[in-house]
């Protein structure tokens, strides 16, 4: 004999919880660290240094002390025709 209507109880489990989830292994960071250190030193470090240099009056090849000038370099860049010509060529 078959039942015509089966009653189902609503699930009390929340989606994503239960047997399917694995515990987080924090020891895996020790395996990633040897690969992460060269990335930080060789790419992120120079990038941050270059960004800070953009806000100073540093000149290439000079060892004179630099001063913080803020956004003055970027203001000068907006009025420089050579920059805009080079920017246009780069886009093309």
PDB file of N, CA and C in Angstrom:
ATOM      1  N   UNK A   1       0.821  -1.157   0.000  1.00  0.00           N
ATOM      2  CA  UNK A   1       0.000   0.000   0.000  1.00  0.00           C
ATOM      3  C   UNK A   1       0.885   1.247   0.000  1.00  0.00           C
ATOM      4  N   UNK A   2       0.517   2.238  -0.762  1.00  0.00           N
ATOM      5  CA  UNK A   2       1.287   3.475  -0.852  1.00  0.00           C
ATOM      6  C   UNK A   2       0.515   4.612  -0.218  1.00  0.00           C
ATOM      7  N   UNK A   3       1.248   5.545   0.282  1.00  0.00           N
ATOM      8  CA  UNK A   3       0.624   6.709   0.889  1.00  0.00           C
ATOM      9  C   UNK A   3       0.396   7.761  -0.188  1.00  0.00           C
ATOM     10  N   UNK A   4      -0.731   8.352  -0.208  1.00  0.00           N
ATOM     11  CA  UNK A   4      -1.068   9.363  -1.203  1.00  0.00           C
ATOM     12  C   UNK A   4      -0.387  10.693  -0.889  1.00  0.00           C
ATOM     13  N   UNK A   5      -0.323  11.035   0.352  1.00  0.00           N
ATOM     14  CA  UNK A   5       0.325  12.295   0.711  1.00  0.00           C
ATOM     15  C   UNK A   5       1.276  12.030   1.865  1.00  0.00           C
ATOM     16  N   UNK A   6       2.503  12.344   1.629  1.00  0.00           N
ATOM     17  CA  UNK A   6       3.503  12.161   2.673  1.00  0.00           C
ATOM     18  C   UNK A   6       3.721  13.508   3.355  1.00  0.00           C
ATOM     19  N   UNK A   7       3.703  13.496   4.629  1.00  0.00           N
ATOM     20  CA  UNK A   7       3.962  14.742   5.357  1.00  0.00           C
ATOM     21  C   UNK A   7       5.454  14.832   5.642  1.00  0.00           C
ATOM     22  N   UNK A   8       5.995  15.996   5.377  1.00  0.00           N
ATOM     23  CA  UNK A   8       7.423  16.233   5.616  1.00  0.00           C
ATOM     24  C   UNK A   8       7.570  17.269   6.707  1.00  0.00           C
ATOM     25  N   UNK A   9       8.468  17.007   7.582  1.00  0.00           N
ATOM     26  CA  UNK A   9       8.756  17.983   8.627  1.00  0.00           C
ATOM     27  C   UNK A   9       9.717  19.022   8.066  1.00  0.00           C
ATOM     28  N   UNK A  10       9.524  20.283   8.419  1.00  0.00           N
ATOM     29  CA  UNK A  10      10.479  21.296   7.941  1.00  0.00           C
ATOM     30  C   UNK A  10      11.858  21.068   8.555  1.00  0.00           C
ATOM     31  N   UNK A  11      12.852  21.350   7.757  1.00  0.00           N
ATOM     32  CA  UNK A  11      14.223  21.155   8.206  1.00  0.00           C
ATOM     33  C   UNK A  11      14.603  22.256   9.189  1.00  0.00           C
ATOM     34  N   UNK A  12      15.254  21.882  10.253  1.00  0.00           N
ATOM     35  CA  UNK A  12      15.712  22.861  11.240  1.00  0.00           C
ATOM     36  C   UNK A  12      17.167  23.248  11.005  1.00  0.00           C
ATOM     37  N   UNK A  13      17.804  22.645  10.032  1.00  0.00           N
ATOM     38  CA  UNK A  13      19.202  22.956   9.728  1.00  0.00           C
ATOM     39  C   UNK A  13      19.295  24.236   8.910  1.00  0.00           C
ATOM     40  N   UNK A  14      20.324  24.994   9.153  1.00  0.00           N
ATOM     41  CA  UNK A  14      20.564  26.186   8.354  1.00  0.00           C
ATOM     42  C   UNK A  14      21.384  25.794   7.142  1.00  0.00           C
ATOM     43  N   UNK A  15      21.167  26.485   6.016  1.00  0.00           N
ATOM     44  CA  UNK A  15      21.942  26.149   4.821  1.00  0.00           C
ATOM     45  C   UNK A  15      23.428  26.375   5.053  1.00  0.00           C
ATOM     46  N   UNK A  16      24.235  25.471   4.609  1.00  0.00           N
ATOM     47  CA  UNK A  16      25.678  25.581   4.715  1.00  0.00           C
ATOM     48  C   UNK A  16      26.252  25.039   6.014  1.00  0.00           C
ATOM     49  N   UNK A  17      25.424  24.725   6.962  1.00  0.00           N
ATOM     50  CA  UNK A  17      25.933  24.189   8.220  1.00  0.00           C
ATOM     51  C   UNK A  17      25.787  22.680   8.211  1.00  0.00           C
ATOM     52  N   UNK A  18      26.610  22.010   8.932  1.00  0.00           N
ATOM     53  CA  UNK A  18      26.460  20.566   9.043  1.00  0.00           C
ATOM     54  C   UNK A  18      27.692  19.815   8.620  1.00  0.00           C
ATOM     55  N   UNK A  19      27.473  18.621   8.089  1.00  0.00           N
ATOM     56  CA  UNK A  19      28.583  17.722   7.794  1.00  0.00           C
ATOM     57  C   UNK A  19      29.439  18.188   6.625  1.00  0.00           C
ATOM     58  N   UNK A  20      28.906  19.014   5.727  1.00  0.00           N
ATOM     59  CA  UNK A  20      29.639  19.399   4.524  1.00  0.00           C
ATOM     60  C   UNK A  20      30.772  20.377   4.756  1.00  0.00           C
ATOM     61  N   UNK A  21      30.792  21.052   5.872  1.00  0.00           N
ATOM     62  CA  UNK A  21      31.820  22.058   6.117  1.00  0.00           C
ATOM     63  C   UNK A  21      33.036  21.439   6.780  1.00  0.00           C
ATOM     64  N   UNK A  22      34.196  21.862   6.308  1.00  0.00           N
ATOM     65  CA  UNK A  22      35.436  21.386   6.911  1.00  0.00           C
ATOM     66  C   UNK A  22      35.958  22.425   7.897  1.00  0.00           C
ATOM     67  N   UNK A  23      36.624  22.004   8.930  1.00  0.00           N
ATOM     68  CA  UNK A  23      37.203  22.989   9.855  1.00  0.00           C
ATOM     69  C   UNK A  23      38.352  23.741   9.174  1.00  0.00           C
ATOM     70  N   UNK A  24      38.525  24.986   9.550  1.00  0.00           N
ATOM     71  CA  UNK A  24      39.583  25.819   8.978  1.00  0.00           C
ATOM     72  C   UNK A  24      40.907  25.416   9.596  1.00  0.00           C
ATOM     73  N   UNK A  25      41.885  25.153   8.737  1.00  0.00           N
ATOM     74  CA  UNK A  25      43.213  24.767   9.195  1.00  0.00           C
ATOM     75  C   UNK A  25      44.111  26.004   9.157  1.00  0.00           C
ATOM     76  N   UNK A  26      44.370  26.586  10.305  1.00  0.00           N
ATOM     77  CA  UNK A  26      45.201  27.788  10.358  1.00  0.00           C
ATOM     78  C   UNK A  26      46.676  27.473  10.137  1.00  0.00           C
ATOM     79  N   UNK A  27      47.059  26.229  10.198  1.00  0.00           N
ATOM     80  CA  UNK A  27      48.441  25.853   9.945  1.00  0.00           C
ATOM     81  C   UNK A  27      48.817  25.952   8.476  1.00  0.00           C
ATOM     82  N   UNK A  28      47.817  26.069   7.597  1.00  0.00           N
ATOM     83  CA  UNK A  28      48.094  26.181   6.165  1.00  0.00           C
ATOM     84  C   UNK A  28      48.793  27.487   5.832  1.00  0.00           C
ATOM     85  N   UNK A  29      48.612  28.524   6.671  1.00  0.00           N
ATOM     86  CA  UNK A  29      49.289  29.795   6.418  1.00  0.00           C
ATOM     87  C   UNK A  29      50.807  29.640   6.475  1.00  0.00           C
ATOM     88  N   UNK A  30      51.299  28.710   7.259  1.00  0.00           N
ATOM     89  CA  UNK A  30      52.744  28.483   7.312  1.00  0.00           C
ATOM     90  C   UNK A  30      53.256  27.905   6.002  1.00  0.00           C
ATOM     91  N   UNK A  31      52.404  27.232   5.257  1.00  0.00           N
ATOM     92  CA  UNK A  31      52.805  26.706   3.960  1.00  0.00           C
ATOM     93  C   UNK A  31      52.767  27.791   2.882  1.00  0.00           C
ATOM     94  N   UNK A  32      51.887  28.760   3.019  1.00  0.00           N
ATOM     95  CA  UNK A  32      51.754  29.836   2.038  1.00  0.00           C
ATOM     96  C   UNK A  32      52.800  30.923   2.270  1.00  0.00           C
ATOM     97  N   UNK A  33      53.239  31.091   3.502  1.00  0.00           N
ATOM     98  CA  UNK A  33      54.150  32.173   3.868  1.00  0.00           C
ATOM     99  C   UNK A  33      55.445  32.218   3.059  1.00  0.00           C
ATOM    100  N   UNK A  34      56.136  31.097   2.776  1.00  0.00           N
ATOM    101  CA  UNK A  34      57.361  31.188   1.976  1.00  0.00           C
ATOM    102  C   UNK A  34      57.130  31.740   0.566  1.00  0.00           C
ATOM    103  N   UNK A  35      55.958  31.533   0.011  1.00  0.00           N
ATOM    104  CA  UNK A  35      55.676  32.097  -1.310  1.00  0.00           C
ATOM    105  C   UNK A  35      55.186  33.535  -1.209  1.00  0.00           C
ATOM    106  N   UNK A  36      54.596  33.896  -0.097  1.00  0.00           N
ATOM    107  CA  UNK A  36      54.035  35.226   0.068  1.00  0.00           C
ATOM    108  C   UNK A  36      55.096  36.278   0.380  1.00  0.00           C
ATOM    109  N   UNK A  37      56.139  35.898   1.076  1.00  0.00           N
ATOM    110  CA  UNK A  37      57.185  36.856   1.456  1.00  0.00           C
ATOM    111  C   UNK A  37      57.882  37.469   0.243  1.00  0.00           C
ATOM    112  N   UNK A  38      58.326  36.702  -0.763  1.00  0.00           N
ATOM    113  CA  UNK A  38      58.952  37.346  -1.930  1.00  0.00           C
ATOM    114  C   UNK A  38      57.985  38.253  -2.698  1.00  0.00           C
ATOM    115  N   UNK A  39      56.722  37.897  -2.735  1.00  0.00           N
ATOM    116  CA  UNK A  39      55.757  38.752  -3.417  1.00  0.00           C
ATOM    117  C   UNK A  39      55.653  40.090  -2.706  1.00  0.00           C
ATOM    118  N   UNK A  40      55.588  40.056  -1.396  1.00  0.00           N
ATOM    119  CA  UNK A  40      55.492  41.301  -0.636  1.00  0.00           C
ATOM    120  C   UNK A  40      56.760  42.138  -0.770  1.00  0.00           C
ATOM    121  N   UNK A  41      57.910  41.489  -0.707  1.00  0.00           N
ATOM    122  CA  UNK A  41      59.176  42.220  -0.742  1.00  0.00           C
ATOM    123  C   UNK A  41      59.488  42.753  -2.139  1.00  0.00           C
ATOM    124  N   UNK A  42      59.225  41.966  -3.168  1.00  0.00           N
ATOM    125  CA  UNK A  42      59.654  42.337  -4.517  1.00  0.00           C
ATOM    126  C   UNK A  42      58.605  43.083  -5.336  1.00  0.00           C
ATOM    127  N   UNK A  43      57.339  43.074  -4.930  1.00  0.00           N
ATOM    128  CA  UNK A  43      56.354  43.806  -5.724  1.00  0.00           C
ATOM    129  C   UNK A  43      55.551  44.800  -4.895  1.00  0.00           C
ATOM    130  N   UNK A  44      55.050  44.421  -3.758  1.00  0.00           N
ATOM    131  CA  UNK A  44      54.226  45.341  -2.968  1.00  0.00           C
ATOM    132  C   UNK A  44      55.099  46.427  -2.338  1.00  0.00           C
ATOM    133  N   UNK A  45      56.259  46.073  -1.852  1.00  0.00           N
ATOM    134  CA  UNK A  45      57.163  47.058  -1.246  1.00  0.00           C
ATOM    135  C   UNK A  45      57.564  48.168  -2.203  1.00  0.00           C
ATOM    136  N   UNK A  46      58.106  47.838  -3.384  1.00  0.00           N
ATOM    137  CA  UNK A  46      58.453  48.898  -4.339  1.00  0.00           C
ATOM    138  C   UNK A  46      57.244  49.703  -4.821  1.00  0.00           C
ATOM    139  N   UNK A  47      56.091  49.067  -4.923  1.00  0.00           N
ATOM    140  CA  UNK A  47      54.886  49.795  -5.315  1.00  0.00           C
ATOM    141  C   UNK A  47      54.541  50.865  -4.283  1.00  0.00           C
ATOM    142  N   UNK A  48      54.560  50.505  -3.018  1.00  0.00           N
ATOM    143  CA  UNK A  48      54.274  51.483  -1.969  1.00  0.00           C
ATOM    144  C   UNK A  48      55.336  52.571  -1.904  1.00  0.00           C
ATOM    145  N   UNK A  49      56.593  52.207  -2.131  1.00  0.00           N
ATOM    146  CA  UNK A  49      57.670  53.198  -2.141  1.00  0.00           C
ATOM    147  C   UNK A  49      57.485  54.177  -3.302  1.00  0.00           C
ATOM    148  N   UNK A  50      57.098  53.678  -4.466  1.00  0.00           N
ATOM    149  CA  UNK A  50      56.859  54.554  -5.615  1.00  0.00           C
ATOM    150  C   UNK A  50      55.689  55.494  -5.400  1.00  0.00           C
ATOM    151  N   UNK A  51      54.671  55.013  -4.725  1.00  0.00           N
ATOM    152  CA  UNK A  51      53.525  55.882  -4.435  1.00  0.00           C
ATOM    153  C   UNK A  51      53.936  56.997  -3.486  1.00  0.00           C
ATOM    154  N   UNK A  52      54.752  56.677  -2.473  1.00  0.00           N
ATOM    155  CA  UNK A  52      55.196  57.733  -1.561  1.00  0.00           C
ATOM    156  C   UNK A  52      56.126  58.713  -2.263  1.00  0.00           C
ATOM    157  N   UNK A  53      56.941  58.241  -3.200  1.00  0.00           N
ATOM    158  CA  UNK A  53      57.820  59.154  -3.944  1.00  0.00           C
ATOM    159  C   UNK A  53      57.034  60.124  -4.811  1.00  0.00           C
ATOM    160  N   UNK A  54      55.854  59.734  -5.256  1.00  0.00           N
ATOM    161  CA  UNK A  54      55.038  60.614  -6.094  1.00  0.00           C
ATOM    162  C   UNK A  54      54.588  61.855  -5.331  1.00  0.00           C
ATOM    163  N   UNK A  55      54.585  61.784  -4.020  1.00  0.00           N
ATOM    164  CA  UNK A  55      54.153  62.922  -3.214  1.00  0.00           C
ATOM    165  C   UNK A  55      55.325  63.707  -2.628  1.00  0.00           C
ATOM    166  N   UNK A  56      56.544  63.484  -3.151  1.00  0.00           N
ATOM    167  CA  UNK A  56      57.720  64.232  -2.700  1.00  0.00           C
ATOM    168  C   UNK A  56      58.338  64.946  -3.887  1.00  0.00           C
ATOM    169  N   UNK A  57      59.377  65.730  -3.613  1.00  0.00           N
ATOM    170  CA  UNK A  57      60.076  66.434  -4.691  1.00  0.00           C
ATOM    171  C   UNK A  57      61.341  65.688  -5.127  1.00  0.00           C
ATOM    172  N   UNK A  58      61.359  64.383  -4.979  1.00  0.00           N
ATOM    173  CA  UNK A  58      62.525  63.573  -5.344  1.00  0.00           C
ATOM    174  C   UNK A  58      62.778  63.649  -6.843  1.00  0.00           C
ATOM    175  N   UNK A  59      64.076  63.670  -7.195  1.00  0.00           N
ATOM    176  CA  UNK A  59      64.473  63.664  -8.596  1.00  0.00           C
ATOM    177  C   UNK A  59      65.364  62.456  -8.834  1.00  0.00           C
ATOM    178  N   UNK A  60      65.276  61.902 -10.030  1.00  0.00           N
ATOM    179  CA  UNK A  60      66.024  60.693 -10.357  1.00  0.00           C
ATOM    180  C   UNK A  60      67.525  60.958 -10.342  1.00  0.00           C
ATOM    181  N   UNK A  61      68.264  60.071  -9.708  1.00  0.00           N
ATOM    182  CA  UNK A  61      69.722  60.161  -9.705  1.00  0.00           C
ATOM    183  C   UNK A  61      70.275  61.123  -8.682  1.00  0.00           C
ATOM    184  N   UNK A  62      69.468  61.777  -7.927  1.00  0.00           N
ATOM    185  CA  UNK A  62      69.956  62.730  -6.937  1.00  0.00           C
ATOM    186  C   UNK A  62      69.850  62.123  -5.547  1.00  0.00           C
ATOM    187  N   UNK A  63      70.834  62.398  -4.734  1.00  0.00           N
ATOM    188  CA  UNK A  63      70.821  61.875  -3.373  1.00  0.00           C
ATOM    189  C   UNK A  63      70.452  62.957  -2.369  1.00  0.00           C
ATOM    190  N   UNK A  64      69.971  64.093  -2.834  1.00  0.00           N
ATOM    191  CA  UNK A  64      69.582  65.186  -1.939  1.00  0.00           C
ATOM    192  C   UNK A  64      68.343  64.778  -1.146  1.00  0.00           C
ATOM    193  N   UNK A  65      68.213  65.307   0.031  1.00  0.00           N
ATOM    194  CA  UNK A  65      67.017  64.982   0.817  1.00  0.00           C
ATOM    195  C   UNK A  65      65.752  65.494   0.122  1.00  0.00           C
ATOM    196  N   UNK A  66      64.689  64.767   0.304  1.00  0.00           N
ATOM    197  CA  UNK A  66      63.436  65.126  -0.358  1.00  0.00           C
ATOM    198  C   UNK A  66      62.474  65.749   0.645  1.00  0.00           C
ATOM    199  N   UNK A  67      61.548  66.542   0.116  1.00  0.00           N
ATOM    200  CA  UNK A  67      60.521  67.165   0.945  1.00  0.00           C
ATOM    201  C   UNK A  67      59.159  66.659   0.504  1.00  0.00           C
ATOM    202  N   UNK A  68      58.232  66.586   1.431  1.00  0.00           N
ATOM    203  CA  UNK A  68      56.848  66.195   1.138  1.00  0.00           C
ATOM    204  C   UNK A  68      56.146  67.393   0.511  1.00  0.00           C
ATOM    205  N   UNK A  69      55.624  67.234  -0.710  1.00  0.00           N
ATOM    206  CA  UNK A  69      54.931  68.344  -1.367  1.00  0.00           C
ATOM    207  C   UNK A  69      53.469  68.018  -1.661  1.00  0.00           C
ATOM    208  N   UNK A  70      53.017  66.866  -1.248  1.00  0.00           N
ATOM    209  CA  UNK A  70      51.607  66.516  -1.419  1.00  0.00           C
ATOM    210  C   UNK A  70      51.229  66.290  -2.870  1.00  0.00           C
ATOM    211  N   UNK A  71      50.111  66.847  -3.276  1.00  0.00           N
ATOM    212  CA  UNK A  71      49.571  66.613  -4.621  1.00  0.00           C
ATOM    213  C   UNK A  71      50.077  67.618  -5.651  1.00  0.00           C
ATOM    214  N   UNK A  72      51.103  68.382  -5.329  1.00  0.00           N
ATOM    215  CA  UNK A  72      51.623  69.388  -6.257  1.00  0.00           C
ATOM    216  C   UNK A  72      52.113  68.760  -7.563  1.00  0.00           C
ATOM    217  N   UNK A  73      52.755  67.578  -7.481  1.00  0.00           N
ATOM    218  CA  UNK A  73      53.203  66.891  -8.701  1.00  0.00           C
ATOM    219  C   UNK A  73      52.021  66.575  -9.618  1.00  0.00           C
ATOM    220  N   UNK A  74      50.904  66.175  -9.037  1.00  0.00           N
ATOM    221  CA  UNK A  74      49.742  65.813  -9.847  1.00  0.00           C
ATOM    222  C   UNK A  74      49.059  67.043 -10.418  1.00  0.00           C
ATOM    223  N   UNK A  75      49.085  68.157  -9.695  1.00  0.00           N
ATOM    224  CA  UNK A  75      48.552  69.405 -10.233  1.00  0.00           C
ATOM    225  C   UNK A  75      49.384  69.865 -11.417  1.00  0.00           C
ATOM    226  N   UNK A  76      50.707  69.755 -11.300  1.00  0.00           N
ATOM    227  CA  UNK A  76      51.587  70.122 -12.418  1.00  0.00           C
ATOM    228  C   UNK A  76      51.347  69.219 -13.623  1.00  0.00           C
ATOM    229  N   UNK A  77      51.080  67.962 -13.370  1.00  0.00           N
ATOM    230  CA  UNK A  77      50.862  66.993 -14.440  1.00  0.00           C
ATOM    231  C   UNK A  77      49.614  67.316 -15.254  1.00  0.00           C
ATOM    232  N   UNK A  78      48.585  67.822 -14.609  1.00  0.00           N
ATOM    233  CA  UNK A  78      47.344  68.157 -15.320  1.00  0.00           C
ATOM    234  C   UNK A  78      47.532  69.289 -16.323  1.00  0.00           C
ATOM    235  N   UNK A  79      48.519  70.148 -16.098  1.00  0.00           N
ATOM    236  CA  UNK A  79      48.761  71.290 -16.996  1.00  0.00           C
ATOM    237  C   UNK A  79      49.936  71.050 -17.947  1.00  0.00           C
ATOM    238  N   UNK A  80      50.477  69.867 -17.965  1.00  0.00           N
ATOM    239  CA  UNK A  80      51.639  69.553 -18.804  1.00  0.00           C
ATOM    240  C   UNK A  80      51.175  68.987 -20.147  1.00  0.00           C
ATOM    241  N   UNK A  81      51.486  69.681 -21.241  1.00  0.00           N
ATOM    242  CA  UNK A  81      51.048  69.221 -22.566  1.00  0.00           C
ATOM    243  C   UNK A  81      51.800  67.969 -23.006  1.00  0.00           C
ATOM    244  N   UNK A  82      53.060  67.835 -22.611  1.00  0.00           N
ATOM    245  CA  UNK A  82      53.825  66.644 -22.970  1.00  0.00           C
ATOM    246  C   UNK A  82      53.190  65.392 -22.359  1.00  0.00           C
ATOM    247  N   UNK A  83      52.713  65.494 -21.128  1.00  0.00           N
ATOM    248  CA  UNK A  83      52.042  64.363 -20.491  1.00  0.00           C
ATOM    249  C   UNK A  83      50.798  63.982 -21.267  1.00  0.00           C
ATOM    250  N   UNK A  84      49.962  64.954 -21.628  1.00  0.00           N
ATOM    251  CA  UNK A  84      48.709  64.638 -22.314  1.00  0.00           C
ATOM    252  C   UNK A  84      48.957  64.073 -23.710  1.00  0.00           C
ATOM    253  N   UNK A  85      50.022  64.553 -24.401  1.00  0.00           N
ATOM    254  CA  UNK A  85      50.362  63.975 -25.703  1.00  0.00           C
ATOM    255  C   UNK A  85      50.813  62.519 -25.533  1.00  0.00           C
ATOM    256  N   UNK A  86      51.624  62.251 -24.532  1.00  0.00           N
ATOM    257  CA  UNK A  86      52.078  60.884 -24.279  1.00  0.00           C
ATOM    258  C   UNK A  86      50.927  59.994 -23.843  1.00  0.00           C
ATOM    259  N   UNK A  87      50.012  60.524 -23.060  1.00  0.00           N
ATOM    260  CA  UNK A  87      48.850  59.771 -22.604  1.00  0.00           C
ATOM    261  C   UNK A  87      47.961  59.397 -23.789  1.00  0.00           C
ATOM    262  N   UNK A  88      47.778  60.335 -24.713  1.00  0.00           N
ATOM    263  CA  UNK A  88      46.966  60.077 -25.908  1.00  0.00           C
ATOM    264  C   UNK A  88      47.629  59.010 -26.767  1.00  0.00           C
ATOM    265  N   UNK A  89      48.931  59.085 -26.941  1.00  0.00           N
ATOM    266  CA  UNK A  89      49.648  58.068 -27.735  1.00  0.00           C
ATOM    267  C   UNK A  89      49.542  56.705 -27.058  1.00  0.00           C
ATOM    268  N   UNK A  90      49.634  56.669 -25.739  1.00  0.00           N
ATOM    269  CA  UNK A  90      49.510  55.417 -25.017  1.00  0.00           C
ATOM    270  C   UNK A  90      48.139  54.787 -25.171  1.00  0.00           C
ATOM    271  N   UNK A  91      47.108  55.603 -25.238  1.00  0.00           N
ATOM    272  CA  UNK A  91      45.762  55.063 -25.426  1.00  0.00           C
ATOM    273  C   UNK A  91      45.571  54.482 -26.827  1.00  0.00           C
ATOM    274  N   UNK A  92      46.202  55.133 -27.785  1.00  0.00           N
ATOM    275  CA  UNK A  92      46.086  54.639 -29.176  1.00  0.00           C
ATOM    276  C   UNK A  92      46.853  53.346 -29.330  1.00  0.00           C
TER     277      UNK A  92
END
